[in-house]
Each structure stands twice: as structure tokens, then as C-alpha cells.
């Protein structure tokens, strides 16, 4: 499932958030059509439980921004790390907005 993460500068990062094993399943031919349908349905279910924290890790892999500095926004709401794609009704083609949470302050 492809999603986009857009930064404040307008840069878009495209992420494929499917489990690694799904790529392997595509390469291996299936002999039983029913097994293939069942497996594809299972993979789709796994995608729905993909955690926001994992999406942040993928952004770090591509952009080098530590997850602790990332705030992902979807539908006008900040996404919690322990929530899943399903809990936000995240679907393929969705765009998340990335805001950096930079710690600041002044020395007194």
C-alpha cells in the first residue's frame, strides 16, 4: 500500500508500507488459487495493523529524521505512535503531513 508523506516545504516522500514478507509472496508462484486469495486477504489485514511508529521509522530510513522529531498529521489530527493504520482509516494513496517537533528554549 503506497502512502505519501508531505513535509512543510512541500516535498513528498512516497512509502510502500507493506510487510516485507508480502514482497516474497509475490515472487513465489501459487499453485492453489484459493490459497492465493486467502494469503492476499491475510496480507491486507496485516497492512491495516501497521503501526504509526513503523511509518516514522520508514521516514527516518528515507530522510534521516529521527522518529522522536516527527509529528505525522492525517485528517487534521496528530497520529499517535501506538495506533495503527486501521485506527486512522488510512488507505492507499493517503497523504500524511510531516511536522518537525524541534525542542527549543533559551538558556537562562
PDB file of N, CA and C in Angstrom:
ATOM      1  N   UNK A   1       0.854  -1.159   0.000  1.00  0.00           N
ATOM      2  CA  UNK A   1       0.000   0.000   0.000  1.00  0.00           C
ATOM      3  C   UNK A   1       0.904   1.228   0.000  1.00  0.00           C
ATOM      4  N   UNK A   2       0.719   2.077  -0.970  1.00  0.00           N
ATOM      5  CA  UNK A   2       1.528   3.281  -1.073  1.00  0.00           C
ATOM      6  C   UNK A   2       0.842   4.446  -0.381  1.00  0.00           C
ATOM      7  N   UNK A   3       1.620   5.180   0.403  1.00  0.00           N
ATOM      8  CA  UNK A   3       1.142   6.418   1.008  1.00  0.00           C
ATOM      9  C   UNK A   3       2.187   7.484   0.736  1.00  0.00           C
ATOM     10  N   UNK A   4       1.798   8.746   0.924  1.00  0.00           N
ATOM     11  CA  UNK A   4       2.726   9.857   0.753  1.00  0.00           C
ATOM     12  C   UNK A   4       2.846  10.604   2.071  1.00  0.00           C
ATOM     13  N   UNK A   5       4.048  11.085   2.326  1.00  0.00           N
ATOM     14  CA  UNK A   5       4.296  11.933   3.490  1.00  0.00           C
ATOM     15  C   UNK A   5       4.807  13.253   2.938  1.00  0.00           C
ATOM     16  N   UNK A   6       4.093  14.341   3.235  1.00  0.00           N
ATOM     17  CA  UNK A   6       4.446  15.659   2.707  1.00  0.00           C
ATOM     18  C   UNK A   6       5.037  16.511   3.825  1.00  0.00           C
ATOM     19  N   UNK A   7       6.197  17.120   3.539  1.00  0.00           N
ATOM     20  CA  UNK A   7       6.852  17.979   4.523  1.00  0.00           C
ATOM     21  C   UNK A   7       6.321  19.403   4.397  1.00  0.00           C
ATOM     22  N   UNK A   8       6.700  20.262   5.330  1.00  0.00           N
ATOM     23  CA  UNK A   8       6.268  21.659   5.277  1.00  0.00           C
ATOM     24  C   UNK A   8       6.809  22.386   4.055  1.00  0.00           C
ATOM     25  N   UNK A   9       7.915  21.905   3.509  1.00  0.00           N
ATOM     26  CA  UNK A   9       8.482  22.532   2.313  1.00  0.00           C
ATOM     27  C   UNK A   9       7.789  22.057   1.042  1.00  0.00           C
ATOM     28  N   UNK A  10       6.866  21.115   1.174  1.00  0.00           N
ATOM     29  CA  UNK A  10       6.140  20.607   0.012  1.00  0.00           C
ATOM     30  C   UNK A  10       6.734  19.354  -0.594  1.00  0.00           C
ATOM     31  N   UNK A  11       7.870  18.930  -0.082  1.00  0.00           N
ATOM     32  CA  UNK A  11       8.492  17.706  -0.587  1.00  0.00           C
ATOM     33  C   UNK A  11       7.620  16.509  -0.225  1.00  0.00           C
ATOM     34  N   UNK A  12       7.416  15.606  -1.187  1.00  0.00           N
ATOM     35  CA  UNK A  12       6.627  14.402  -0.926  1.00  0.00           C
ATOM     36  C   UNK A  12       7.523  13.178  -0.910  1.00  0.00           C
ATOM     37  N   UNK A  13       7.341  12.367   0.123  1.00  0.00           N
ATOM     38  CA  UNK A  13       8.078  11.118   0.280  1.00  0.00           C
ATOM     39  C   UNK A  13       7.067  10.003   0.077  1.00  0.00           C
ATOM     40  N   UNK A  14       7.325   9.131  -0.875  1.00  0.00           N
ATOM     41  CA  UNK A  14       6.406   8.019  -1.111  1.00  0.00           C
ATOM     42  C   UNK A  14       6.904   6.791  -0.362  1.00  0.00           C
ATOM     43  N   UNK A  15       6.010   6.174   0.411  1.00  0.00           N
ATOM     44  CA  UNK A  15       6.362   4.994   1.192  1.00  0.00           C
ATOM     45  C   UNK A  15       5.458   3.833   0.822  1.00  0.00           C
ATOM     46  N   UNK A  16       6.057   2.674   0.684  1.00  0.00           N
ATOM     47  CA  UNK A  16       5.305   1.442   0.486  1.00  0.00           C
ATOM     48  C   UNK A  16       5.265   0.775   1.848  1.00  0.00           C
ATOM     49  N   UNK A  17       4.103   0.765   2.484  1.00  0.00           N
ATOM     50  CA  UNK A  17       4.042   0.274   3.861  1.00  0.00           C
ATOM     51  C   UNK A  17       3.475  -1.137   3.946  1.00  0.00           C
ATOM     52  N   UNK A  18       3.961  -1.990   3.077  1.00  0.00           N
ATOM     53  CA  UNK A  18       3.516  -3.375   3.199  1.00  0.00           C
ATOM     54  C   UNK A  18       4.601  -4.192   3.879  1.00  0.00           C
ATOM     55  N   UNK A  19       4.198  -5.242   4.584  1.00  0.00           N
ATOM     56  CA  UNK A  19       5.186  -6.073   5.269  1.00  0.00           C
ATOM     57  C   UNK A  19       6.189  -6.668   4.287  1.00  0.00           C
ATOM     58  N   UNK A  20       7.424  -6.853   4.746  1.00  0.00           N
ATOM     59  CA  UNK A  20       8.482  -7.383   3.890  1.00  0.00           C
ATOM     60  C   UNK A  20       8.125  -8.723   3.279  1.00  0.00           C
ATOM     61  N   UNK A  21       7.417  -9.570   4.022  1.00  0.00           N
ATOM     62  CA  UNK A  21       7.125 -10.898   3.502  1.00  0.00           C
ATOM     63  C   UNK A  21       6.140 -10.854   2.339  1.00  0.00           C
ATOM     64  N   UNK A  22       5.379  -9.775   2.189  1.00  0.00           N
ATOM     65  CA  UNK A  22       4.427  -9.709   1.076  1.00  0.00           C
ATOM     66  C   UNK A  22       5.181  -9.657  -0.251  1.00  0.00           C
ATOM     67  N   UNK A  23       6.339  -8.994  -0.271  1.00  0.00           N
ATOM     68  CA  UNK A  23       7.147  -8.962  -1.492  1.00  0.00           C
ATOM     69  C   UNK A  23       7.590 -10.371  -1.865  1.00  0.00           C
ATOM     70  N   UNK A  24       7.958 -11.159  -0.867  1.00  0.00           N
ATOM     71  CA  UNK A  24       8.383 -12.540  -1.137  1.00  0.00           C
ATOM     72  C   UNK A  24       7.227 -13.369  -1.676  1.00  0.00           C
ATOM     73  N   UNK A  25       6.027 -13.144  -1.148  1.00  0.00           N
ATOM     74  CA  UNK A  25       4.866 -13.901  -1.613  1.00  0.00           C
ATOM     75  C   UNK A  25       4.585 -13.636  -3.084  1.00  0.00           C
ATOM     76  N   UNK A  26       4.822 -12.411  -3.533  1.00  0.00           N
ATOM     77  CA  UNK A  26       4.572 -12.073  -4.937  1.00  0.00           C
ATOM     78  C   UNK A  26       5.530 -12.808  -5.871  1.00  0.00           C
ATOM     79  N   UNK A  27       6.737 -13.056  -5.406  1.00  0.00           N
ATOM     80  CA  UNK A  27       7.737 -13.704  -6.256  1.00  0.00           C
ATOM     81  C   UNK A  27       7.528 -15.205  -6.376  1.00  0.00           C
ATOM     82  N   UNK A  28       6.865 -15.786  -5.390  1.00  0.00           N
ATOM     83  CA  UNK A  28       6.684 -17.231  -5.393  1.00  0.00           C
ATOM     84  C   UNK A  28       5.339 -17.581  -6.018  1.00  0.00           C
ATOM     85  N   UNK A  29       5.340 -18.433  -7.054  1.00  0.00           N
ATOM     86  CA  UNK A  29       4.076 -18.775  -7.705  1.00  0.00           C
ATOM     87  C   UNK A  29       3.188 -19.610  -6.789  1.00  0.00           C
ATOM     88  N   UNK A  30       1.895 -19.367  -6.884  1.00  0.00           N
ATOM     89  CA  UNK A  30       0.918 -20.144  -6.134  1.00  0.00           C
ATOM     90  C   UNK A  30       0.356 -21.232  -7.033  1.00  0.00           C
ATOM     91  N   UNK A  31       0.100 -22.387  -6.460  1.00  0.00           N
ATOM     92  CA  UNK A  31      -0.494 -23.479  -7.227  1.00  0.00           C
ATOM     93  C   UNK A  31      -1.986 -23.580  -6.962  1.00  0.00           C
ATOM     94  N   UNK A  32      -2.415 -23.018  -5.863  1.00  0.00           N
ATOM     95  CA  UNK A  32      -3.806 -23.130  -5.487  1.00  0.00           C
ATOM     96  C   UNK A  32      -4.409 -21.730  -5.414  1.00  0.00           C
ATOM     97  N   UNK A  33      -5.384 -21.453  -6.268  1.00  0.00           N
ATOM     98  CA  UNK A  33      -5.979 -20.116  -6.333  1.00  0.00           C
ATOM     99  C   UNK A  33      -6.635 -19.715  -5.008  1.00  0.00           C
ATOM    100  N   UNK A  34      -7.270 -20.668  -4.331  1.00  0.00           N
ATOM    101  CA  UNK A  34      -7.896 -20.363  -3.043  1.00  0.00           C
ATOM    102  C   UNK A  34      -6.854 -19.959  -2.005  1.00  0.00           C
ATOM    103  N   UNK A  35      -5.722 -20.644  -2.010  1.00  0.00           N
ATOM    104  CA  UNK A  35      -4.643 -20.301  -1.085  1.00  0.00           C
ATOM    105  C   UNK A  35      -4.152 -18.889  -1.367  1.00  0.00           C
ATOM    106  N   UNK A  36      -4.023 -18.544  -2.641  1.00  0.00           N
ATOM    107  CA  UNK A  36      -3.560 -17.210  -3.009  1.00  0.00           C
ATOM    108  C   UNK A  36      -4.534 -16.148  -2.497  1.00  0.00           C
ATOM    109  N   UNK A  37      -5.825 -16.347  -2.693  1.00  0.00           N
ATOM    110  CA  UNK A  37      -6.815 -15.373  -2.231  1.00  0.00           C
ATOM    111  C   UNK A  37      -6.779 -15.241  -0.713  1.00  0.00           C
ATOM    112  N   UNK A  38      -6.659 -16.362  -0.016  1.00  0.00           N
ATOM    113  CA  UNK A  38      -6.604 -16.339   1.446  1.00  0.00           C
ATOM    114  C   UNK A  38      -5.363 -15.578   1.919  1.00  0.00           C
ATOM    115  N   UNK A  39      -4.229 -15.857   1.293  1.00  0.00           N
ATOM    116  CA  UNK A  39      -2.975 -15.212   1.679  1.00  0.00           C
ATOM    117  C   UNK A  39      -3.024 -13.718   1.407  1.00  0.00           C
ATOM    118  N   UNK A  40      -3.576 -13.320   0.255  1.00  0.00           N
ATOM    119  CA  UNK A  40      -3.680 -11.896  -0.057  1.00  0.00           C
ATOM    120  C   UNK A  40      -4.579 -11.193   0.951  1.00  0.00           C
ATOM    121  N   UNK A  41      -5.679 -11.837   1.338  1.00  0.00           N
ATOM    122  CA  UNK A  41      -6.569 -11.262   2.348  1.00  0.00           C
ATOM    123  C   UNK A  41      -5.864 -11.114   3.681  1.00  0.00           C
ATOM    124  N   UNK A  42      -5.050 -12.103   4.033  1.00  0.00           N
ATOM    125  CA  UNK A  42      -4.285 -12.051   5.271  1.00  0.00           C
ATOM    126  C   UNK A  42      -3.302 -10.890   5.227  1.00  0.00           C
ATOM    127  N   UNK A  43      -2.620 -10.715   4.102  1.00  0.00           N
ATOM    128  CA  UNK A  43      -1.651  -9.619   3.968  1.00  0.00           C
ATOM    129  C   UNK A  43      -2.346  -8.271   4.103  1.00  0.00           C
ATOM    130  N   UNK A  44      -3.534  -8.134   3.503  1.00  0.00           N
ATOM    131  CA  UNK A  44      -4.271  -6.884   3.622  1.00  0.00           C
ATOM    132  C   UNK A  44      -4.627  -6.613   5.084  1.00  0.00           C
ATOM    133  N   UNK A  45      -4.981  -7.657   5.827  1.00  0.00           N
ATOM    134  CA  UNK A  45      -5.298  -7.493   7.247  1.00  0.00           C
ATOM    135  C   UNK A  45      -4.079  -7.022   8.022  1.00  0.00           C
ATOM    136  N   UNK A  46      -2.918  -7.576   7.693  1.00  0.00           N
ATOM    137  CA  UNK A  46      -1.678  -7.169   8.362  1.00  0.00           C
ATOM    138  C   UNK A  46      -1.380  -5.704   8.063  1.00  0.00           C
ATOM    139  N   UNK A  47      -1.626  -5.259   6.834  1.00  0.00           N
ATOM    140  CA  UNK A  47      -1.375  -3.863   6.488  1.00  0.00           C
ATOM    141  C   UNK A  47      -2.201  -2.928   7.357  1.00  0.00           C
ATOM    142  N   UNK A  48      -3.401  -3.329   7.676  1.00  0.00           N
ATOM    143  CA  UNK A  48      -4.282  -2.488   8.462  1.00  0.00           C
ATOM    144  C   UNK A  48      -3.776  -2.327   9.901  1.00  0.00           C
ATOM    145  N   UNK A  49      -2.924  -3.254  10.375  1.00  0.00           N
ATOM    146  CA  UNK A  49      -2.408  -3.121  11.741  1.00  0.00           C
ATOM    147  C   UNK A  49      -0.989  -2.545  11.763  1.00  0.00           C
ATOM    148  N   UNK A  50      -0.541  -2.016  10.643  1.00  0.00           N
ATOM    149  CA  UNK A  50       0.758  -1.374  10.527  1.00  0.00           C
ATOM    150  C   UNK A  50       0.769  -0.163  11.461  1.00  0.00           C
ATOM    151  N   UNK A  51       1.704  -0.105  12.381  1.00  0.00           N
ATOM    152  CA  UNK A  51       1.721   0.971  13.372  1.00  0.00           C
ATOM    153  C   UNK A  51       2.356   2.253  12.843  1.00  0.00           C
ATOM    154  N   UNK A  52       1.880   3.370  13.378  1.00  0.00           N
ATOM    155  CA  UNK A  52       2.395   4.686  13.024  1.00  0.00           C
ATOM    156  C   UNK A  52       3.887   4.763  13.334  1.00  0.00           C
ATOM    157  N   UNK A  53       4.323   4.139  14.420  1.00  0.00           N
ATOM    158  CA  UNK A  53       5.748   4.163  14.772  1.00  0.00           C
ATOM    159  C   UNK A  53       6.592   3.555  13.651  1.00  0.00           C
ATOM    160  N   UNK A  54       6.072   2.544  12.972  1.00  0.00           N
ATOM    161  CA  UNK A  54       6.806   1.925  11.857  1.00  0.00           C
ATOM    162  C   UNK A  54       6.865   2.871  10.655  1.00  0.00           C
ATOM    163  N   UNK A  55       5.804   3.632  10.433  1.00  0.00           N
ATOM    164  CA  UNK A  55       5.813   4.616   9.343  1.00  0.00           C
ATOM    165  C   UNK A  55       6.903   5.649   9.613  1.00  0.00           C
ATOM    166  N   UNK A  56       7.022   6.079  10.867  1.00  0.00           N
ATOM    167  CA  UNK A  56       8.069   7.042  11.225  1.00  0.00           C
ATOM    168  C   UNK A  56       9.460   6.455  11.003  1.00  0.00           C
ATOM    169  N   UNK A  57       9.617   5.181  11.283  1.00  0.00           N
ATOM    170  CA  UNK A  57      10.906   4.525  11.031  1.00  0.00           C
ATOM    171  C   UNK A  57      11.224   4.533   9.543  1.00  0.00           C
ATOM    172  N   UNK A  58      10.221   4.326   8.714  1.00  0.00           N
ATOM    173  CA  UNK A  58      10.425   4.334   7.266  1.00  0.00           C
ATOM    174  C   UNK A  58      10.809   5.732   6.776  1.00  0.00           C
ATOM    175  N   UNK A  59      10.207   6.773   7.372  1.00  0.00           N
ATOM    176  CA  UNK A  59      10.573   8.150   7.025  1.00  0.00           C
ATOM    177  C   UNK A  59      12.028   8.392   7.417  1.00  0.00           C
ATOM    178  N   UNK A  60      12.435   7.892   8.579  1.00  0.00           N
ATOM    179  CA  UNK A  60      13.829   8.043   9.008  1.00  0.00           C
ATOM    180  C   UNK A  60      14.772   7.364   8.017  1.00  0.00           C
ATOM    181  N   UNK A  61      14.412   6.181   7.531  1.00  0.00           N
ATOM    182  CA  UNK A  61      15.246   5.468   6.559  1.00  0.00           C
ATOM    183  C   UNK A  61      15.450   6.296   5.296  1.00  0.00           C
ATOM    184  N   UNK A  62      14.419   7.005   4.861  1.00  0.00           N
ATOM    185  CA  UNK A  62      14.498   7.777   3.614  1.00  0.00           C
ATOM    186  C   UNK A  62      15.069   9.170   3.803  1.00  0.00           C
ATOM    187  N   UNK A  63      14.745   9.811   4.926  1.00  0.00           N
ATOM    188  CA  UNK A  63      15.099  11.221   5.109  1.00  0.00           C
ATOM    189  C   UNK A  63      16.087  11.497   6.232  1.00  0.00           C
ATOM    190  N   UNK A  64      16.336  10.517   7.100  1.00  0.00           N
ATOM    191  CA  UNK A  64      17.282  10.712   8.190  1.00  0.00           C
ATOM    192  C   UNK A  64      16.731  11.499   9.372  1.00  0.00           C
ATOM    193  N   UNK A  65      15.422  11.686   9.421  1.00  0.00           N
ATOM    194  CA  UNK A  65      14.802  12.421  10.530  1.00  0.00           C
ATOM    195  C   UNK A  65      14.415  11.427  11.621  1.00  0.00           C
ATOM    196  N   UNK A  66      14.972  11.564  12.823  1.00  0.00           N
ATOM    197  CA  UNK A  66      14.638  10.622  13.897  1.00  0.00           C
ATOM    198  C   UNK A  66      13.137  10.643  14.214  1.00  0.00           C
ATOM    199  N   UNK A  67      12.549   9.479  14.471  1.00  0.00           N
ATOM    200  CA  UNK A  67      11.117   9.412  14.783  1.00  0.00           C
ATOM    201  C   UNK A  67      10.683  10.326  15.926  1.00  0.00           C
ATOM    202  N   UNK A  68      11.554  10.523  16.915  1.00  0.00           N
ATOM    203  CA  UNK A  68      11.207  11.368  18.059  1.00  0.00           C
ATOM    204  C   UNK A  68      10.963  12.819  17.628  1.00  0.00           C
ATOM    205  N   UNK A  69      11.531  13.236  16.494  1.00  0.00           N
ATOM    206  CA  UNK A  69      11.345  14.601  15.997  1.00  0.00           C
ATOM    207  C   UNK A  69      10.183  14.711  15.013  1.00  0.00           C
ATOM    208  N   UNK A  70       9.564  13.595  14.673  1.00  0.00           N
ATOM    209  CA  UNK A  70       8.492  13.596  13.680  1.00  0.00           C
ATOM    210  C   UNK A  70       7.116  13.686  14.330  1.00  0.00           C
ATOM    211  N   UNK A  71       6.261  14.486  13.723  1.00  0.00           N
ATOM    212  CA  UNK A  71       4.843  14.516  14.067  1.00  0.00           C
ATOM    213  C   UNK A  71       4.104  14.290  12.751  1.00  0.00           C
ATOM    214  N   UNK A  72       3.358  13.196  12.674  1.00  0.00           N
ATOM    215  CA  UNK A  72       2.590  12.899  11.470  1.00  0.00           C
ATOM    216  C   UNK A  72       1.148  13.332  11.688  1.00  0.00           C
ATOM    217  N   UNK A  73       0.613  14.051  10.713  1.00  0.00           N
ATOM    218  CA  UNK A  73      -0.745  14.573  10.777  1.00  0.00           C
ATOM    219  C   UNK A  73      -1.558  13.938   9.656  1.00  0.00           C
ATOM    220  N   UNK A  74      -2.741  13.435   9.999  1.00  0.00           N
ATOM    221  CA  UNK A  74      -3.649  12.874   8.998  1.00  0.00           C
ATOM    222  C   UNK A  74      -5.069  13.278   9.369  1.00  0.00           C
ATOM    223  N   UNK A  75      -5.774  13.851   8.417  1.00  0.00           N
ATOM    224  CA  UNK A  75      -7.143  14.290   8.689  1.00  0.00           C
ATOM    225  C   UNK A  75      -7.207  15.376   9.749  1.00  0.00           C
ATOM    226  N   UNK A  76      -6.157  16.197   9.825  1.00  0.00           N
ATOM    227  CA  UNK A  76      -6.130  17.286  10.787  1.00  0.00           C
ATOM    228  C   UNK A  76      -5.785  16.876  12.205  1.00  0.00           C
ATOM    229  N   UNK A  77      -5.427  15.602  12.400  1.00  0.00           N
ATOM    230  CA  UNK A  77      -5.105  15.116  13.741  1.00  0.00           C
ATOM    231  C   UNK A  77      -3.708  14.518  13.783  1.00  0.00           C
ATOM    232  N   UNK A  78      -3.017  14.763  14.906  1.00  0.00           N
ATOM    233  CA  UNK A  78      -1.700  14.161  15.091  1.00  0.00           C
ATOM    234  C   UNK A  78      -1.869  12.671  15.340  1.00  0.00           C
ATOM    235  N   UNK A  79      -1.059  11.882  14.660  1.00  0.00           N
ATOM    236  CA  UNK A  79      -1.143  10.428  14.772  1.00  0.00           C
ATOM    237  C   UNK A  79      -0.273   9.945  15.927  1.00  0.00           C
ATOM    238  N   UNK A  80      -0.829   9.087  16.762  1.00  0.00           N
ATOM    239  CA  UNK A  80      -0.106   8.527  17.906  1.00  0.00           C
ATOM    240  C   UNK A  80       0.704   7.312  17.467  1.00  0.00           C
ATOM    241  N   UNK A  81       1.917   7.199  17.988  1.00  0.00           N
ATOM    242  CA  UNK A  81       2.826   6.116  17.599  1.00  0.00           C
ATOM    243  C   UNK A  81       2.248   4.726  17.812  1.00  0.00           C
ATOM    244  N   UNK A  82       1.467   4.548  18.864  1.00  0.00           N
ATOM    245  CA  UNK A  82       0.967   3.210  19.188  1.00  0.00           C
ATOM    246  C   UNK A  82      -0.335   2.854  18.465  1.00  0.00           C
ATOM    247  N   UNK A  83      -0.841   3.753  17.642  1.00  0.00           N
ATOM    248  CA  UNK A  83      -2.062   3.486  16.873  1.00  0.00           C
ATOM    249  C   UNK A  83      -1.700   2.826  15.546  1.00  0.00           C
ATOM    250  N   UNK A  84      -2.706   2.246  14.903  1.00  0.00           N
ATOM    251  CA  UNK A  84      -2.477   1.545  13.637  1.00  0.00           C
ATOM    252  C   UNK A  84      -3.089   2.308  12.468  1.00  0.00           C
ATOM    253  N   UNK A  85      -2.709   1.884  11.270  1.00  0.00           N
ATOM    254  CA  UNK A  85      -3.273   2.466  10.053  1.00  0.00           C
ATOM    255  C   UNK A  85      -4.789   2.331  10.052  1.00  0.00           C
ATOM    256  N   UNK A  86      -5.292   1.206  10.525  1.00  0.00           N
ATOM    257  CA  UNK A  86      -6.740   0.964  10.553  1.00  0.00           C
ATOM    258  C   UNK A  86      -7.455   1.949  11.471  1.00  0.00           C
ATOM    259  N   UNK A  87      -6.829   2.294  12.572  1.00  0.00           N
ATOM    260  CA  UNK A  87      -7.465   3.204  13.526  1.00  0.00           C
ATOM    261  C   UNK A  87      -7.621   4.610  12.961  1.00  0.00           C
ATOM    262  N   UNK A  88      -6.843   4.939  11.942  1.00  0.00           N
ATOM    263  CA  UNK A  88      -6.960   6.235  11.277  1.00  0.00           C
ATOM    264  C   UNK A  88      -7.636   6.104   9.912  1.00  0.00           C
ATOM    265  N   UNK A  89      -8.132   4.913   9.597  1.00  0.00           N
ATOM    266  CA  UNK A  89      -8.739   4.637   8.284  1.00  0.00           C
ATOM    267  C   UNK A  89      -7.797   5.011   7.148  1.00  0.00           C
ATOM    268  N   UNK A  90      -6.532   4.721   7.340  1.00  0.00           N
ATOM    269  CA  UNK A  90      -5.502   5.024   6.357  1.00  0.00           C
ATOM    270  C   UNK A  90      -5.592   4.033   5.211  1.00  0.00           C
ATOM    271  N   UNK A  91      -5.673   4.542   3.988  1.00  0.00           N
ATOM    272  CA  UNK A  91      -5.766   3.690   2.809  1.00  0.00           C
ATOM    273  C   UNK A  91      -4.697   4.088   1.810  1.00  0.00           C
ATOM    274  N   UNK A  92      -4.493   3.240   0.822  1.00  0.00           N
ATOM    275  CA  UNK A  92      -3.515   3.520  -0.219  1.00  0.00           C
ATOM    276  C   UNK A  92      -3.794   4.858  -0.881  1.00  0.00           C
ATOM    277  N   UNK A  93      -2.740   5.623  -1.132  1.00  0.00           N
ATOM    278  CA  UNK A  93      -2.876   6.927  -1.758  1.00  0.00           C
ATOM    279  C   UNK A  93      -3.051   8.062  -0.765  1.00  0.00           C
ATOM    280  N   UNK A  94      -3.188   7.739   0.512  1.00  0.00           N
ATOM    281  CA  UNK A  94      -3.370   8.768   1.539  1.00  0.00           C
ATOM    282  C   UNK A  94      -2.112   9.623   1.655  1.00  0.00           C
ATOM    283  N   UNK A  95      -2.299  10.879   2.045  1.00  0.00           N
ATOM    284  CA  UNK A  95      -1.172  11.782   2.273  1.00  0.00           C
ATOM    285  C   UNK A  95      -1.133  12.175   3.741  1.00  0.00           C
ATOM    286  N   UNK A  96       0.007  11.924   4.351  1.00  0.00           N
ATOM    287  CA  UNK A  96       0.249  12.342   5.731  1.00  0.00           C
ATOM    288  C   UNK A  96       1.106  13.599   5.683  1.00  0.00           C
ATOM    289  N   UNK A  97       0.958  14.460   6.651  1.00  0.00           N
ATOM    290  CA  UNK A  97       1.768  15.673   6.714  1.00  0.00           C
ATOM    291  C   UNK A  97       2.782  15.519   7.839  1.00  0.00           C
ATOM    292  N   UNK A  98       4.031  15.803   7.513  1.00  0.00           N
ATOM    293  CA  UNK A  98       5.125  15.677   8.466  1.00  0.00           C
ATOM    294  C   UNK A  98       5.497  17.049   9.008  1.00  0.00           C
ATOM    295  N   UNK A  99       5.446  17.170  10.322  1.00  0.00           N
ATOM    296  CA  UNK A  99       5.853  18.389  11.007  1.00  0.00           C
ATOM    297  C   UNK A  99       6.986  17.998  11.944  1.00  0.00           C
ATOM    298  N   UNK A 100       8.028  18.804  11.971  1.00  0.00           N
ATOM    299  CA  UNK A 100       9.144  18.512  12.858  1.00  0.00           C
ATOM    300  C   UNK A 100       8.893  19.108  14.234  1.00  0.00           C
ATOM    301  N   UNK A 101       9.120  18.301  15.243  1.00  0.00           N
ATOM    302  CA  UNK A 101       8.980  18.745  16.628  1.00  0.00           C
ATOM    303  C   UNK A 101      10.378  19.007  17.155  1.00  0.00           C
ATOM    304  N   UNK A 102      10.802  20.231  17.019  1.00  0.00           N
ATOM    305  CA  UNK A 102      12.143  20.591  17.452  1.00  0.00           C
ATOM    306  C   UNK A 102      12.085  21.150  18.861  1.00  0.00           C
ATOM    307  N   UNK A 103      12.951  20.635  19.692  1.00  0.00           N
ATOM    308  CA  UNK A 103      13.000  21.134  21.064  1.00  0.00           C
ATOM    309  C   UNK A 103      13.754  22.453  21.068  1.00  0.00           C
ATOM    310  N   UNK A 104      13.227  23.369  21.801  1.00  0.00           N
ATOM    311  CA  UNK A 104      13.863  24.676  21.838  1.00  0.00           C
ATOM    312  C   UNK A 104      13.826  25.253  23.234  1.00  0.00           C
ATOM    313  N   UNK A 105      14.172  26.472  23.308  1.00  0.00           N
ATOM    314  CA  UNK A 105      14.186  27.143  24.600  1.00  0.00           C
ATOM    315  C   UNK A 105      15.413  28.018  24.679  1.00  0.00           C
ATOM    316  N   UNK A 106      15.487  28.746  25.733  1.00  0.00           N
ATOM    317  CA  UNK A 106      16.658  29.601  25.883  1.00  0.00           C
ATOM    318  C   UNK A 106      17.355  29.267  27.197  1.00  0.00           C
ATOM    319  N   UNK A 107      18.618  29.484  27.186  1.00  0.00           N
ATOM    320  CA  UNK A 107      19.391  29.275  28.404  1.00  0.00           C
ATOM    321  C   UNK A 107      19.239  30.513  29.274  1.00  0.00           C
ATOM    322  N   UNK A 108      18.885  30.293  30.501  1.00  0.00           N
ATOM    323  CA  UNK A 108      18.686  31.435  31.397  1.00  0.00           C
ATOM    324  C   UNK A 108      19.873  31.626  32.294  1.00  0.00           C
TER     325      UNK A 108
END
